């Protein structure tokens, strides 16, 4: 029991160090982008991309990063299970929605016109 708690404590401390490295990489990217503002945007973008990849890799090595990666994998598996509508079903549904919106817009325009007429008649 004590050994397990000690391992978890050391893993937590190691995770904190990894997160500190991730924060340092992000700060370095922000600082470098402003410090080298006179350099080409392409070079700065490539440097930021490189630092982001390294920071992402380090973040995925933490416990939270592994949990996030597992969640991403599970979501991908679930997305494959979804039965997506065909093109024809999508078009038919879109047409129905558009017709419904136009009909409601016309009804509201008529109601607005009638209320405007009633208010004009009442104010007179």
PDB file of N, CA and C in Angstrom:
ATOM      1  N   UNK A   1       0.829  -1.193   0.000  1.00  0.00           N
ATOM      2  CA  UNK A   1       0.000   0.000   0.000  1.00  0.00           C
ATOM      3  C   UNK A   1       0.869   1.250   0.000  1.00  0.00           C
ATOM      4  N   UNK A   2       1.870   1.279   0.853  1.00  0.00           N
ATOM      5  CA  UNK A   2       2.768   2.425   0.936  1.00  0.00           C
ATOM      6  C   UNK A   2       3.586   2.564  -0.342  1.00  0.00           C
ATOM      7  N   UNK A   3       3.962   1.421  -0.908  1.00  0.00           N
ATOM      8  CA  UNK A   3       4.740   1.432  -2.149  1.00  0.00           C
ATOM      9  C   UNK A   3       3.926   2.021  -3.298  1.00  0.00           C
ATOM     10  N   UNK A   4       2.647   1.673  -3.338  1.00  0.00           N
ATOM     11  CA  UNK A   4       1.762   2.199  -4.380  1.00  0.00           C
ATOM     12  C   UNK A   4       1.601   3.713  -4.239  1.00  0.00           C
ATOM     13  N   UNK A   5       1.428   4.189  -3.009  1.00  0.00           N
ATOM     14  CA  UNK A   5       1.282   5.625  -2.767  1.00  0.00           C
ATOM     15  C   UNK A   5       2.563   6.361  -3.134  1.00  0.00           C
ATOM     16  N   UNK A   6       3.712   5.733  -2.850  1.00  0.00           N
ATOM     17  CA  UNK A   6       4.993   6.354  -3.178  1.00  0.00           C
ATOM     18  C   UNK A   6       5.178   6.441  -4.692  1.00  0.00           C
ATOM     19  N   UNK A   7       4.789   5.396  -5.425  1.00  0.00           N
ATOM     20  CA  UNK A   7       4.884   5.412  -6.876  1.00  0.00           C
ATOM     21  C   UNK A   7       3.965   6.481  -7.463  1.00  0.00           C
ATOM     22  N   UNK A   8       2.774   6.578  -6.911  1.00  0.00           N
ATOM     23  CA  UNK A   8       1.826   7.573  -7.406  1.00  0.00           C
ATOM     24  C   UNK A   8       2.347   8.979  -7.126  1.00  0.00           C
ATOM     25  N   UNK A   9       2.969   9.182  -5.970  1.00  0.00           N
ATOM     26  CA  UNK A   9       3.512  10.485  -5.622  1.00  0.00           C
ATOM     27  C   UNK A   9       4.656  10.864  -6.558  1.00  0.00           C
ATOM     28  N   UNK A  10       5.529   9.896  -6.867  1.00  0.00           N
ATOM     29  CA  UNK A  10       6.641  10.194  -7.769  1.00  0.00           C
ATOM     30  C   UNK A  10       6.135  10.423  -9.190  1.00  0.00           C
ATOM     31  N   UNK A  11       5.096   9.665  -9.598  1.00  0.00           N
ATOM     32  CA  UNK A  11       4.512   9.874 -10.924  1.00  0.00           C
ATOM     33  C   UNK A  11       3.873  11.256 -10.999  1.00  0.00           C
ATOM     34  N   UNK A  12       3.236  11.669  -9.908  1.00  0.00           N
ATOM     35  CA  UNK A  12       2.605  12.984  -9.881  1.00  0.00           C
ATOM     36  C   UNK A  12       3.664  14.079  -9.955  1.00  0.00           C
ATOM     37  N   UNK A  13       4.760  13.898  -9.240  1.00  0.00           N
ATOM     38  CA  UNK A  13       5.844  14.890  -9.285  1.00  0.00           C
ATOM     39  C   UNK A  13       6.452  14.939 -10.681  1.00  0.00           C
ATOM     40  N   UNK A  14       6.621  13.784 -11.304  1.00  0.00           N
ATOM     41  CA  UNK A  14       7.153  13.743 -12.661  1.00  0.00           C
ATOM     42  C   UNK A  14       6.191  14.403 -13.645  1.00  0.00           C
ATOM     43  N   UNK A  15       4.885  14.189 -13.443  1.00  0.00           N
ATOM     44  CA  UNK A  15       3.888  14.845 -14.285  1.00  0.00           C
ATOM     45  C   UNK A  15       3.960  16.361 -14.137  1.00  0.00           C
ATOM     46  N   UNK A  16       4.177  16.825 -12.911  1.00  0.00           N
ATOM     47  CA  UNK A  16       4.281  18.272 -12.689  1.00  0.00           C
ATOM     48  C   UNK A  16       5.491  18.842 -13.433  1.00  0.00           C
ATOM     49  N   UNK A  17       6.587  18.101 -13.440  1.00  0.00           N
ATOM     50  CA  UNK A  17       7.774  18.544 -14.173  1.00  0.00           C
ATOM     51  C   UNK A  17       7.474  18.585 -15.668  1.00  0.00           C
ATOM     52  N   UNK A  18       6.778  17.565 -16.156  1.00  0.00           N
ATOM     53  CA  UNK A  18       6.424  17.537 -17.581  1.00  0.00           C
ATOM     54  C   UNK A  18       5.523  18.714 -17.943  1.00  0.00           C
ATOM     55  N   UNK A  19       4.556  19.020 -17.091  1.00  0.00           N
ATOM     56  CA  UNK A  19       3.676  20.155 -17.359  1.00  0.00           C
ATOM     57  C   UNK A  19       4.460  21.468 -17.317  1.00  0.00           C
ATOM     58  N   UNK A  20       5.444  21.544 -16.433  1.00  0.00           N
ATOM     59  CA  UNK A  20       6.286  22.747 -16.380  1.00  0.00           C
ATOM     60  C   UNK A  20       7.066  22.897 -17.686  1.00  0.00           C
ATOM     61  N   UNK A  21       7.547  21.767 -18.230  1.00  0.00           N
ATOM     62  CA  UNK A  21       8.247  21.808 -19.515  1.00  0.00           C
ATOM     63  C   UNK A  21       7.298  22.276 -20.616  1.00  0.00           C
ATOM     64  N   UNK A  22       6.057  21.784 -20.599  1.00  0.00           N
ATOM     65  CA  UNK A  22       5.075  22.201 -21.604  1.00  0.00           C
ATOM     66  C   UNK A  22       4.825  23.706 -21.503  1.00  0.00           C
ATOM     67  N   UNK A  23       4.644  24.206 -20.287  1.00  0.00           N
ATOM     68  CA  UNK A  23       4.421  25.647 -20.100  1.00  0.00           C
ATOM     69  C   UNK A  23       5.637  26.438 -20.571  1.00  0.00           C
ATOM     70  N   UNK A  24       6.838  25.938 -20.259  1.00  0.00           N
ATOM     71  CA  UNK A  24       8.055  26.630 -20.685  1.00  0.00           C
ATOM     72  C   UNK A  24       8.149  26.665 -22.208  1.00  0.00           C
ATOM     73  N   UNK A  25       7.776  25.590 -22.873  1.00  0.00           N
ATOM     74  CA  UNK A  25       7.803  25.573 -24.338  1.00  0.00           C
ATOM     75  C   UNK A  25       6.801  26.559 -24.930  1.00  0.00           C
ATOM     76  N   UNK A  26       5.609  26.636 -24.343  1.00  0.00           N
ATOM     77  CA  UNK A  26       4.605  27.586 -24.833  1.00  0.00           C
ATOM     78  C   UNK A  26       5.074  29.019 -24.601  1.00  0.00           C
ATOM     79  N   UNK A  27       5.642  29.283 -23.429  1.00  0.00           N
ATOM     80  CA  UNK A  27       6.160  30.628 -23.139  1.00  0.00           C
ATOM     81  C   UNK A  27       7.295  30.960 -24.106  1.00  0.00           C
ATOM     82  N   UNK A  28       8.158  29.989 -24.381  1.00  0.00           N
ATOM     83  CA  UNK A  28       9.255  30.216 -25.328  1.00  0.00           C
ATOM     84  C   UNK A  28       8.715  30.526 -26.722  1.00  0.00           C
ATOM     85  N   UNK A  29       7.654  29.852 -27.120  1.00  0.00           N
ATOM     86  CA  UNK A  29       7.060  30.118 -28.434  1.00  0.00           C
ATOM     87  C   UNK A  29       6.495  31.530 -28.497  1.00  0.00           C
ATOM     88  N   UNK A  30       5.786  31.943 -27.463  1.00  0.00           N
ATOM     89  CA  UNK A  30       5.195  33.286 -27.445  1.00  0.00           C
ATOM     90  C   UNK A  30       6.296  34.344 -27.409  1.00  0.00           C
ATOM     91  N   UNK A  31       7.277  34.155 -26.527  1.00  0.00           N
ATOM     92  CA  UNK A  31       8.370  35.113 -26.417  1.00  0.00           C
ATOM     93  C   UNK A  31       9.167  35.174 -27.720  1.00  0.00           C
ATOM     94  N   UNK A  32       9.483  34.020 -28.284  1.00  0.00           N
ATOM     95  CA  UNK A  32      10.260  33.978 -29.518  1.00  0.00           C
ATOM     96  C   UNK A  32       9.528  34.639 -30.671  1.00  0.00           C
ATOM     97  N   UNK A  33       8.223  34.467 -30.725  1.00  0.00           N
ATOM     98  CA  UNK A  33       7.439  35.089 -31.795  1.00  0.00           C
ATOM     99  C   UNK A  33       7.509  36.605 -31.702  1.00  0.00           C
ATOM    100  N   UNK A  34       7.459  37.143 -30.501  1.00  0.00           N
ATOM    101  CA  UNK A  34       7.520  38.601 -30.367  1.00  0.00           C
ATOM    102  C   UNK A  34       8.961  39.114 -30.491  1.00  0.00           C
ATOM    103  N   UNK A  35       9.931  38.351 -29.984  1.00  0.00           N
ATOM    104  CA  UNK A  35      11.326  38.786 -30.036  1.00  0.00           C
ATOM    105  C   UNK A  35      11.842  38.793 -31.473  1.00  0.00           C
ATOM    106  N   UNK A  36      11.454  37.806 -32.242  1.00  0.00           N
ATOM    107  CA  UNK A  36      11.897  37.703 -33.629  1.00  0.00           C
ATOM    108  C   UNK A  36      10.828  38.218 -34.604  1.00  0.00           C
ATOM    109  N   UNK A  37      10.131  39.257 -34.229  1.00  0.00           N
ATOM    110  CA  UNK A  37       9.059  39.804 -35.061  1.00  0.00           C
ATOM    111  C   UNK A  37       9.580  40.312 -36.403  1.00  0.00           C
ATOM    112  N   UNK A  38      10.875  40.661 -36.471  1.00  0.00           N
ATOM    113  CA  UNK A  38      11.424  41.162 -37.728  1.00  0.00           C
ATOM    114  C   UNK A  38      11.774  40.042 -38.704  1.00  0.00           C
ATOM    115  N   UNK A  39      11.727  38.798 -38.256  1.00  0.00           N
ATOM    116  CA  UNK A  39      12.024  37.655 -39.115  1.00  0.00           C
ATOM    117  C   UNK A  39      10.794  37.289 -39.949  1.00  0.00           C
ATOM    118  N   UNK A  40      11.006  36.440 -40.920  1.00  0.00           N
ATOM    119  CA  UNK A  40       9.927  36.005 -41.801  1.00  0.00           C
ATOM    120  C   UNK A  40       8.831  35.282 -41.012  1.00  0.00           C
ATOM    121  N   UNK A  41       7.606  35.519 -41.415  1.00  0.00           N
ATOM    122  CA  UNK A  41       6.474  34.869 -40.763  1.00  0.00           C
ATOM    123  C   UNK A  41       6.566  33.353 -40.930  1.00  0.00           C
ATOM    124  N   UNK A  42       7.055  32.907 -42.064  1.00  0.00           N
ATOM    125  CA  UNK A  42       7.190  31.474 -42.317  1.00  0.00           C
ATOM    126  C   UNK A  42       8.112  30.826 -41.289  1.00  0.00           C
ATOM    127  N   UNK A  43       9.268  31.435 -41.027  1.00  0.00           N
ATOM    128  CA  UNK A  43      10.210  30.863 -40.067  1.00  0.00           C
ATOM    129  C   UNK A  43       9.632  30.862 -38.656  1.00  0.00           C
ATOM    130  N   UNK A  44       8.960  31.940 -38.315  1.00  0.00           N
ATOM    131  CA  UNK A  44       8.355  31.992 -36.987  1.00  0.00           C
ATOM    132  C   UNK A  44       7.243  30.962 -36.849  1.00  0.00           C
ATOM    133  N   UNK A  45       6.444  30.796 -37.899  1.00  0.00           N
ATOM    134  CA  UNK A  45       5.360  29.807 -37.857  1.00  0.00           C
ATOM    135  C   UNK A  45       5.926  28.397 -37.752  1.00  0.00           C
ATOM    136  N   UNK A  46       6.993  28.121 -38.485  1.00  0.00           N
ATOM    137  CA  UNK A  46       7.612  26.790 -38.404  1.00  0.00           C
ATOM    138  C   UNK A  46       8.193  26.539 -37.012  1.00  0.00           C
ATOM    139  N   UNK A  47       8.806  27.565 -36.416  1.00  0.00           N
ATOM    140  CA  UNK A  47       9.350  27.414 -35.063  1.00  0.00           C
ATOM    141  C   UNK A  47       8.230  27.166 -34.059  1.00  0.00           C
ATOM    142  N   UNK A  48       7.148  27.911 -34.180  1.00  0.00           N
ATOM    143  CA  UNK A  48       6.017  27.725 -33.270  1.00  0.00           C
ATOM    144  C   UNK A  48       5.413  26.342 -33.459  1.00  0.00           C
ATOM    145  N   UNK A  49       5.278  25.916 -34.703  1.00  0.00           N
ATOM    146  CA  UNK A  49       4.748  24.580 -34.979  1.00  0.00           C
ATOM    147  C   UNK A  49       5.640  23.510 -34.364  1.00  0.00           C
ATOM    148  N   UNK A  50       6.946  23.657 -34.518  1.00  0.00           N
ATOM    149  CA  UNK A  50       7.873  22.696 -33.929  1.00  0.00           C
ATOM    150  C   UNK A  50       7.760  22.655 -32.417  1.00  0.00           C
ATOM    151  N   UNK A  51       7.715  23.819 -31.780  1.00  0.00           N
ATOM    152  CA  UNK A  51       7.568  23.864 -30.323  1.00  0.00           C
ATOM    153  C   UNK A  51       6.220  23.290 -29.884  1.00  0.00           C
ATOM    154  N   UNK A  52       5.177  23.519 -30.665  1.00  0.00           N
ATOM    155  CA  UNK A  52       3.857  22.977 -30.332  1.00  0.00           C
ATOM    156  C   UNK A  52       3.856  21.459 -30.411  1.00  0.00           C
ATOM    157  N   UNK A  53       4.531  20.919 -31.423  1.00  0.00           N
ATOM    158  CA  UNK A  53       4.608  19.459 -31.554  1.00  0.00           C
ATOM    159  C   UNK A  53       5.358  18.865 -30.366  1.00  0.00           C
ATOM    160  N   UNK A  54       6.487  19.475 -29.999  1.00  0.00           N
ATOM    161  CA  UNK A  54       7.259  18.977 -28.859  1.00  0.00           C
ATOM    162  C   UNK A  54       6.447  19.108 -27.570  1.00  0.00           C
ATOM    163  N   UNK A  55       5.773  20.247 -27.384  1.00  0.00           N
ATOM    164  CA  UNK A  55       4.953  20.442 -26.185  1.00  0.00           C
ATOM    165  C   UNK A  55       3.812  19.429 -26.144  1.00  0.00           C
ATOM    166  N   UNK A  56       3.186  19.170 -27.292  1.00  0.00           N
ATOM    167  CA  UNK A  56       2.119  18.168 -27.335  1.00  0.00           C
ATOM    168  C   UNK A  56       2.632  16.783 -27.007  1.00  0.00           C
ATOM    169  N   UNK A  57       3.806  16.447 -27.529  1.00  0.00           N
ATOM    170  CA  UNK A  57       4.400  15.147 -27.232  1.00  0.00           C
ATOM    171  C   UNK A  57       4.690  15.003 -25.746  1.00  0.00           C
ATOM    172  N   UNK A  58       5.247  16.029 -25.136  1.00  0.00           N
ATOM    173  CA  UNK A  58       5.536  15.985 -23.699  1.00  0.00           C
ATOM    174  C   UNK A  58       4.239  15.897 -22.908  1.00  0.00           C
ATOM    175  N   UNK A  59       3.229  16.655 -23.322  1.00  0.00           N
ATOM    176  CA  UNK A  59       1.943  16.635 -22.604  1.00  0.00           C
ATOM    177  C   UNK A  59       1.293  15.261 -22.688  1.00  0.00           C
ATOM    178  N   UNK A  60       1.444  14.577 -23.819  1.00  0.00           N
ATOM    179  CA  UNK A  60       0.848  13.239 -23.959  1.00  0.00           C
ATOM    180  C   UNK A  60       1.551  12.190 -23.097  1.00  0.00           C
ATOM    181  N   UNK A  61       2.708  12.518 -22.568  1.00  0.00           N
ATOM    182  CA  UNK A  61       3.428  11.584 -21.703  1.00  0.00           C
ATOM    183  C   UNK A  61       2.933  11.639 -20.258  1.00  0.00           C
ATOM    184  N   UNK A  62       2.095  12.624 -19.930  1.00  0.00           N
ATOM    185  CA  UNK A  62       1.555  12.739 -18.581  1.00  0.00           C
ATOM    186  C   UNK A  62       0.325  11.844 -18.428  1.00  0.00           C
ATOM    187  N   UNK A  63      -0.122  11.689 -17.206  1.00  0.00           N
ATOM    188  CA  UNK A  63      -1.313  10.866 -16.940  1.00  0.00           C
ATOM    189  C   UNK A  63      -2.543  11.457 -17.616  1.00  0.00           C
ATOM    190  N   UNK A  64      -2.706  12.780 -17.504  1.00  0.00           N
ATOM    191  CA  UNK A  64      -3.834  13.439 -18.154  1.00  0.00           C
ATOM    192  C   UNK A  64      -3.725  13.336 -19.673  1.00  0.00           C
ATOM    193  N   UNK A  65      -2.516  13.410 -20.191  1.00  0.00           N
ATOM    194  CA  UNK A  65      -2.313  13.292 -21.628  1.00  0.00           C
ATOM    195  C   UNK A  65      -2.676  11.910 -22.136  1.00  0.00           C
ATOM    196  N   UNK A  66      -2.298  10.875 -21.370  1.00  0.00           N
ATOM    197  CA  UNK A  66      -2.674   9.513 -21.766  1.00  0.00           C
ATOM    198  C   UNK A  66      -4.184   9.331 -21.727  1.00  0.00           C
ATOM    199  N   UNK A  67      -4.826   9.917 -20.711  1.00  0.00           N
ATOM    200  CA  UNK A  67      -6.287   9.816 -20.617  1.00  0.00           C
ATOM    201  C   UNK A  67      -6.942  10.544 -21.795  1.00  0.00           C
ATOM    202  N   UNK A  68      -6.408  11.699 -22.159  1.00  0.00           N
ATOM    203  CA  UNK A  68      -6.942  12.438 -23.302  1.00  0.00           C
ATOM    204  C   UNK A  68      -6.771  11.647 -24.589  1.00  0.00           C
ATOM    205  N   UNK A  69      -5.603  11.041 -24.760  1.00  0.00           N
ATOM    206  CA  UNK A  69      -5.345  10.264 -25.965  1.00  0.00           C
ATOM    207  C   UNK A  69      -6.283   9.058 -26.042  1.00  0.00           C
ATOM    208  N   UNK A  70      -6.550   8.430 -24.906  1.00  0.00           N
ATOM    209  CA  UNK A  70      -7.484   7.299 -24.889  1.00  0.00           C
ATOM    210  C   UNK A  70      -8.895   7.777 -25.238  1.00  0.00           C
ATOM    211  N   UNK A  71      -9.285   8.927 -24.721  1.00  0.00           N
ATOM    212  CA  UNK A  71     -10.592   9.498 -25.049  1.00  0.00           C
ATOM    213  C   UNK A  71     -10.697   9.775 -26.547  1.00  0.00           C
ATOM    214  N   UNK A  72      -9.617  10.304 -27.136  1.00  0.00           N
ATOM    215  CA  UNK A  72      -9.596  10.574 -28.575  1.00  0.00           C
ATOM    216  C   UNK A  72      -9.746   9.285 -29.376  1.00  0.00           C
ATOM    217  N   UNK A  73      -9.052   8.235 -28.946  1.00  0.00           N
ATOM    218  CA  UNK A  73      -9.159   6.942 -29.641  1.00  0.00           C
ATOM    219  C   UNK A  73     -10.570   6.372 -29.518  1.00  0.00           C
ATOM    220  N   UNK A  74     -11.150   6.460 -28.316  1.00  0.00           N
ATOM    221  CA  UNK A  74     -12.513   5.960 -28.120  1.00  0.00           C
ATOM    222  C   UNK A  74     -13.520   6.738 -28.965  1.00  0.00           C
ATOM    223  N   UNK A  75     -13.323   8.049 -29.064  1.00  0.00           N
ATOM    224  CA  UNK A  75     -14.221   8.862 -29.881  1.00  0.00           C
ATOM    225  C   UNK A  75     -14.112   8.486 -31.350  1.00  0.00           C
ATOM    226  N   UNK A  76     -12.903   8.190 -31.797  1.00  0.00           N
ATOM    227  CA  UNK A  76     -12.709   7.770 -33.179  1.00  0.00           C
ATOM    228  C   UNK A  76     -13.436   6.461 -33.455  1.00  0.00           C
ATOM    229  N   UNK A  77     -13.347   5.529 -32.506  1.00  0.00           N
ATOM    230  CA  UNK A  77     -14.041   4.244 -32.662  1.00  0.00           C
ATOM    231  C   UNK A  77     -15.546   4.469 -32.727  1.00  0.00           C
ATOM    232  N   UNK A  78     -16.065   5.327 -31.865  1.00  0.00           N
ATOM    233  CA  UNK A  78     -17.501   5.599 -31.856  1.00  0.00           C
ATOM    234  C   UNK A  78     -17.943   6.300 -33.144  1.00  0.00           C
ATOM    235  N   UNK A  79     -17.099   7.184 -33.680  1.00  0.00           N
ATOM    236  CA  UNK A  79     -17.444   7.867 -34.929  1.00  0.00           C
ATOM    237  C   UNK A  79     -17.577   6.872 -36.077  1.00  0.00           C
ATOM    238  N   UNK A  80     -16.788   5.806 -36.042  1.00  0.00           N
ATOM    239  CA  UNK A  80     -16.884   4.796 -37.098  1.00  0.00           C
ATOM    240  C   UNK A  80     -18.180   4.003 -36.992  1.00  0.00           C
ATOM    241  N   UNK A  81     -18.762   3.960 -35.809  1.00  0.00           N
ATOM    242  CA  UNK A  81     -20.001   3.205 -35.605  1.00  0.00           C
ATOM    243  C   UNK A  81     -21.240   3.976 -36.064  1.00  0.00           C
ATOM    244  N   UNK A  82     -21.098   5.275 -36.270  1.00  0.00           N
ATOM    245  CA  UNK A  82     -22.237   6.121 -36.622  1.00  0.00           C
ATOM    246  C   UNK A  82     -22.689   5.805 -38.043  1.00  0.00           C
ATOM    247  N   UNK A  83     -24.008   5.728 -38.230  1.00  0.00           N
ATOM    248  CA  UNK A  83     -24.575   5.562 -39.559  1.00  0.00           C
ATOM    249  C   UNK A  83     -24.880   6.953 -40.098  1.00  0.00           C
ATOM    250  N   UNK A  84     -24.061   7.398 -41.034  1.00  0.00           N
ATOM    251  CA  UNK A  84     -24.210   8.727 -41.578  1.00  0.00           C
ATOM    252  C   UNK A  84     -25.279   8.728 -42.663  1.00  0.00           C
ATOM    253  N   UNK A  85     -26.048   9.832 -42.776  1.00  0.00           N
ATOM    254  CA  UNK A  85     -27.078   9.880 -43.822  1.00  0.00           C
ATOM    255  C   UNK A  85     -26.445   9.935 -45.208  1.00  0.00           C
ATOM    256  N   UNK A  86     -27.209   9.440 -46.160  1.00  0.00           N
ATOM    257  CA  UNK A  86     -26.735   9.503 -47.546  1.00  0.00           C
ATOM    258  C   UNK A  86     -26.867  10.931 -48.058  1.00  0.00           C
ATOM    259  N   UNK A  87     -26.308  11.173 -49.219  1.00  0.00           N
ATOM    260  CA  UNK A  87     -26.389  12.505 -49.818  1.00  0.00           C
ATOM    261  C   UNK A  87     -27.842  12.877 -50.100  1.00  0.00           C
ATOM    262  N   UNK A  88     -28.618  11.913 -50.587  1.00  0.00           N
ATOM    263  CA  UNK A  88     -30.023  12.185 -50.896  1.00  0.00           C
ATOM    264  C   UNK A  88     -30.796  12.519 -49.619  1.00  0.00           C
ATOM    265  N   UNK A  89     -30.575  11.771 -48.540  1.00  0.00           N
ATOM    266  CA  UNK A  89     -31.266  12.062 -47.276  1.00  0.00           C
ATOM    267  C   UNK A  89     -30.892  13.446 -46.754  1.00  0.00           C
ATOM    268  N   UNK A  90     -29.620  13.805 -46.878  1.00  0.00           N
ATOM    269  CA  UNK A  90     -29.172  15.115 -46.422  1.00  0.00           C
ATOM    270  C   UNK A  90     -29.831  16.225 -47.227  1.00  0.00           C
ATOM    271  N   UNK A  91     -29.877  16.066 -48.536  1.00  0.00           N
ATOM    272  CA  UNK A  91     -30.513  17.079 -49.389  1.00  0.00           C
ATOM    273  C   UNK A  91     -32.005  17.198 -49.081  1.00  0.00           C
ATOM    274  N   UNK A  92     -32.688  16.071 -48.904  1.00  0.00           N
ATOM    275  CA  UNK A  92     -34.125  16.111 -48.608  1.00  0.00           C
ATOM    276  C   UNK A  92     -34.381  16.803 -47.268  1.00  0.00           C
ATOM    277  N   UNK A  93     -33.593  16.497 -46.287  1.00  0.00           N
ATOM    278  CA  UNK A  93     -33.763  17.126 -44.977  1.00  0.00           C
ATOM    279  C   UNK A  93     -33.493  18.621 -45.059  1.00  0.00           C
ATOM    280  N   UNK A  94     -32.475  19.004 -45.817  1.00  0.00           N
ATOM    281  CA  UNK A  94     -32.152  20.420 -45.980  1.00  0.00           C
ATOM    282  C   UNK A  94     -33.286  21.156 -46.660  1.00  0.00           C
ATOM    283  N   UNK A  95     -33.872  20.557 -47.689  1.00  0.00           N
ATOM    284  CA  UNK A  95     -34.991  21.187 -48.400  1.00  0.00           C
ATOM    285  C   UNK A  95     -36.182  21.349 -47.458  1.00  0.00           C
ATOM    286  N   UNK A  96     -36.476  20.333 -46.668  1.00  0.00           N
ATOM    287  CA  UNK A  96     -37.596  20.429 -45.721  1.00  0.00           C
ATOM    288  C   UNK A  96     -37.363  21.557 -44.728  1.00  0.00           C
ATOM    289  N   UNK A  97     -36.152  21.668 -44.210  1.00  0.00           N
ATOM    290  CA  UNK A  97     -35.838  22.733 -43.251  1.00  0.00           C
ATOM    291  C   UNK A  97     -35.969  24.096 -43.910  1.00  0.00           C
ATOM    292  N   UNK A  98     -35.447  24.256 -45.110  1.00  0.00           N
ATOM    293  CA  UNK A  98     -35.549  25.540 -45.802  1.00  0.00           C
ATOM    294  C   UNK A  98     -36.995  25.929 -46.075  1.00  0.00           C
ATOM    295  N   UNK A  99     -37.804  24.975 -46.509  1.00  0.00           N
ATOM    296  CA  UNK A  99     -39.232  25.253 -46.745  1.00  0.00           C
ATOM    297  C   UNK A  99     -39.908  25.676 -45.449  1.00  0.00           C
ATOM    298  N   UNK A 100     -39.615  24.982 -44.370  1.00  0.00           N
ATOM    299  CA  UNK A 100     -40.201  25.312 -43.070  1.00  0.00           C
ATOM    300  C   UNK A 100     -39.799  26.719 -42.642  1.00  0.00           C
ATOM    301  N   UNK A 101     -38.539  27.078 -42.824  1.00  0.00           N
ATOM    302  CA  UNK A 101     -38.069  28.414 -42.453  1.00  0.00           C
ATOM    303  C   UNK A 101     -38.776  29.479 -43.281  1.00  0.00           C
ATOM    304  N   UNK A 102     -38.925  29.253 -44.574  1.00  0.00           N
ATOM    305  CA  UNK A 102     -39.597  30.228 -45.438  1.00  0.00           C
ATOM    306  C   UNK A 102     -41.062  30.383 -45.031  1.00  0.00           C
ATOM    307  N   UNK A 103     -41.746  29.276 -44.764  1.00  0.00           N
ATOM    308  CA  UNK A 103     -43.161  29.341 -44.360  1.00  0.00           C
ATOM    309  C   UNK A 103     -43.307  30.110 -43.049  1.00  0.00           C
ATOM    310  N   UNK A 104     -42.470  29.810 -42.064  1.00  0.00           N
ATOM    311  CA  UNK A 104     -42.538  30.520 -40.780  1.00  0.00           C
ATOM    312  C   UNK A 104     -42.224  32.003 -40.978  1.00  0.00           C
ATOM    313  N   UNK A 105     -41.240  32.318 -41.827  1.00  0.00           N
ATOM    314  CA  UNK A 105     -40.906  33.724 -42.097  1.00  0.00           C
ATOM    315  C   UNK A 105     -42.089  34.450 -42.728  1.00  0.00           C
ATOM    316  N   UNK A 106     -42.795  33.791 -43.652  1.00  0.00           N
ATOM    317  CA  UNK A 106     -43.968  34.412 -44.270  1.00  0.00           C
ATOM    318  C   UNK A 106     -45.082  34.621 -43.253  1.00  0.00           C
ATOM    319  N   UNK A 107     -45.304  33.629 -42.407  1.00  0.00           N
ATOM    320  CA  UNK A 107     -46.335  33.763 -41.367  1.00  0.00           C
ATOM    321  C   UNK A 107     -46.004  34.926 -40.446  1.00  0.00           C
ATOM    322  N   UNK A 108     -44.754  35.034 -40.041  1.00  0.00           N
ATOM    323  CA  UNK A 108     -44.369  36.125 -39.144  1.00  0.00           C
ATOM    324  C   UNK A 108     -44.462  37.479 -39.850  1.00  0.00           C
ATOM    325  N   UNK A 109     -44.159  37.512 -41.147  1.00  0.00           N
ATOM    326  CA  UNK A 109     -44.280  38.762 -41.892  1.00  0.00           C
ATOM    327  C   UNK A 109     -45.740  39.203 -41.959  1.00  0.00           C
ATOM    328  N   UNK A 110     -46.648  38.264 -42.186  1.00  0.00           N
ATOM    329  CA  UNK A 110     -48.074  38.583 -42.229  1.00  0.00           C
ATOM    330  C   UNK A 110     -48.548  39.067 -40.867  1.00  0.00           C
ATOM    331  N   UNK A 111     -48.136  38.383 -39.803  1.00  0.00           N
ATOM    332  CA  UNK A 111     -48.532  38.799 -38.447  1.00  0.00           C
ATOM    333  C   UNK A 111     -47.988  40.196 -38.155  1.00  0.00           C
ATOM    334  N   UNK A 112     -46.741  40.464 -38.544  1.00  0.00           N
ATOM    335  CA  UNK A 112     -46.148  41.784 -38.344  1.00  0.00           C
ATOM    336  C   UNK A 112     -46.924  42.847 -39.121  1.00  0.00           C
ATOM    337  N   UNK A 113     -47.264  42.536 -40.357  1.00  0.00           N
ATOM    338  CA  UNK A 113     -48.023  43.475 -41.181  1.00  0.00           C
ATOM    339  C   UNK A 113     -49.384  43.763 -40.547  1.00  0.00           C
ATOM    340  N   UNK A 114     -50.056  42.689 -40.051  1.00  0.00           N
ATOM    341  CA  UNK A 114     -51.382  42.877 -39.432  1.00  0.00           C
ATOM    342  C   UNK A 114     -51.278  43.681 -38.140  1.00  0.00           C
ATOM    343  N   UNK A 115     -50.295  43.363 -37.306  1.00  0.00           N
ATOM    344  CA  UNK A 115     -50.143  44.116 -36.054  1.00  0.00           C
ATOM    345  C   UNK A 115     -49.768  45.567 -36.331  1.00  0.00           C
ATOM    346  N   UNK A 116     -48.925  45.779 -37.340  1.00  0.00           N
ATOM    347  CA  UNK A 116     -48.588  47.155 -37.716  1.00  0.00           C
ATOM    348  C   UNK A 116     -49.822  47.927 -38.162  1.00  0.00           C
ATOM    349  N   UNK A 117     -50.689  47.257 -38.941  1.00  0.00           N
ATOM    350  CA  UNK A 117     -51.926  47.903 -39.381  1.00  0.00           C
ATOM    351  C   UNK A 117     -52.849  48.193 -38.218  1.00  0.00           C
ATOM    352  N   UNK A 118     -52.974  47.264 -37.286  1.00  0.00           N
ATOM    353  CA  UNK A 118     -53.832  47.470 -36.118  1.00  0.00           C
ATOM    354  C   UNK A 118     -53.310  48.617 -35.270  1.00  0.00           C
ATOM    355  N   UNK A 119     -52.014  48.667 -35.052  1.00  0.00           N
ATOM    356  CA  UNK A 119     -51.435  49.739 -34.232  1.00  0.00           C
ATOM    357  C   UNK A 119     -51.596  51.070 -34.929  1.00  0.00           C
ATOM    358  N   UNK A 120     -51.396  51.115 -36.233  1.00  0.00           N
ATOM    359  CA  UNK A 120     -51.576  52.367 -36.993  1.00  0.00           C
ATOM    360  C   UNK A 120     -53.041  52.820 -36.898  1.00  0.00           C
ATOM    361  N   UNK A 121     -53.998  51.885 -37.012  1.00  0.00           N
ATOM    362  CA  UNK A 121     -55.409  52.222 -36.915  1.00  0.00           C
ATOM    363  C   UNK A 121     -55.737  52.721 -35.513  1.00  0.00           C
ATOM    364  N   UNK A 122     -55.137  52.071 -34.461  1.00  0.00           N
ATOM    365  CA  UNK A 122     -55.445  52.478 -33.082  1.00  0.00           C
ATOM    366  C   UNK A 122     -54.853  53.841 -32.758  1.00  0.00           C
ATOM    367  N   UNK A 123     -53.662  54.111 -33.248  1.00  0.00           N
ATOM    368  CA  UNK A 123     -53.020  55.403 -32.958  1.00  0.00           C
ATOM    369  C   UNK A 123     -53.662  56.503 -33.798  1.00  0.00           C
ATOM    370  N   UNK A 124     -54.021  56.123 -34.986  1.00  0.00           N
ATOM    371  CA  UNK A 124     -54.756  56.886 -35.865  1.00  0.00           C
ATOM    372  C   UNK A 124     -54.556  58.090 -36.532  1.00  0.00           C
TER     373      UNK A 124
END
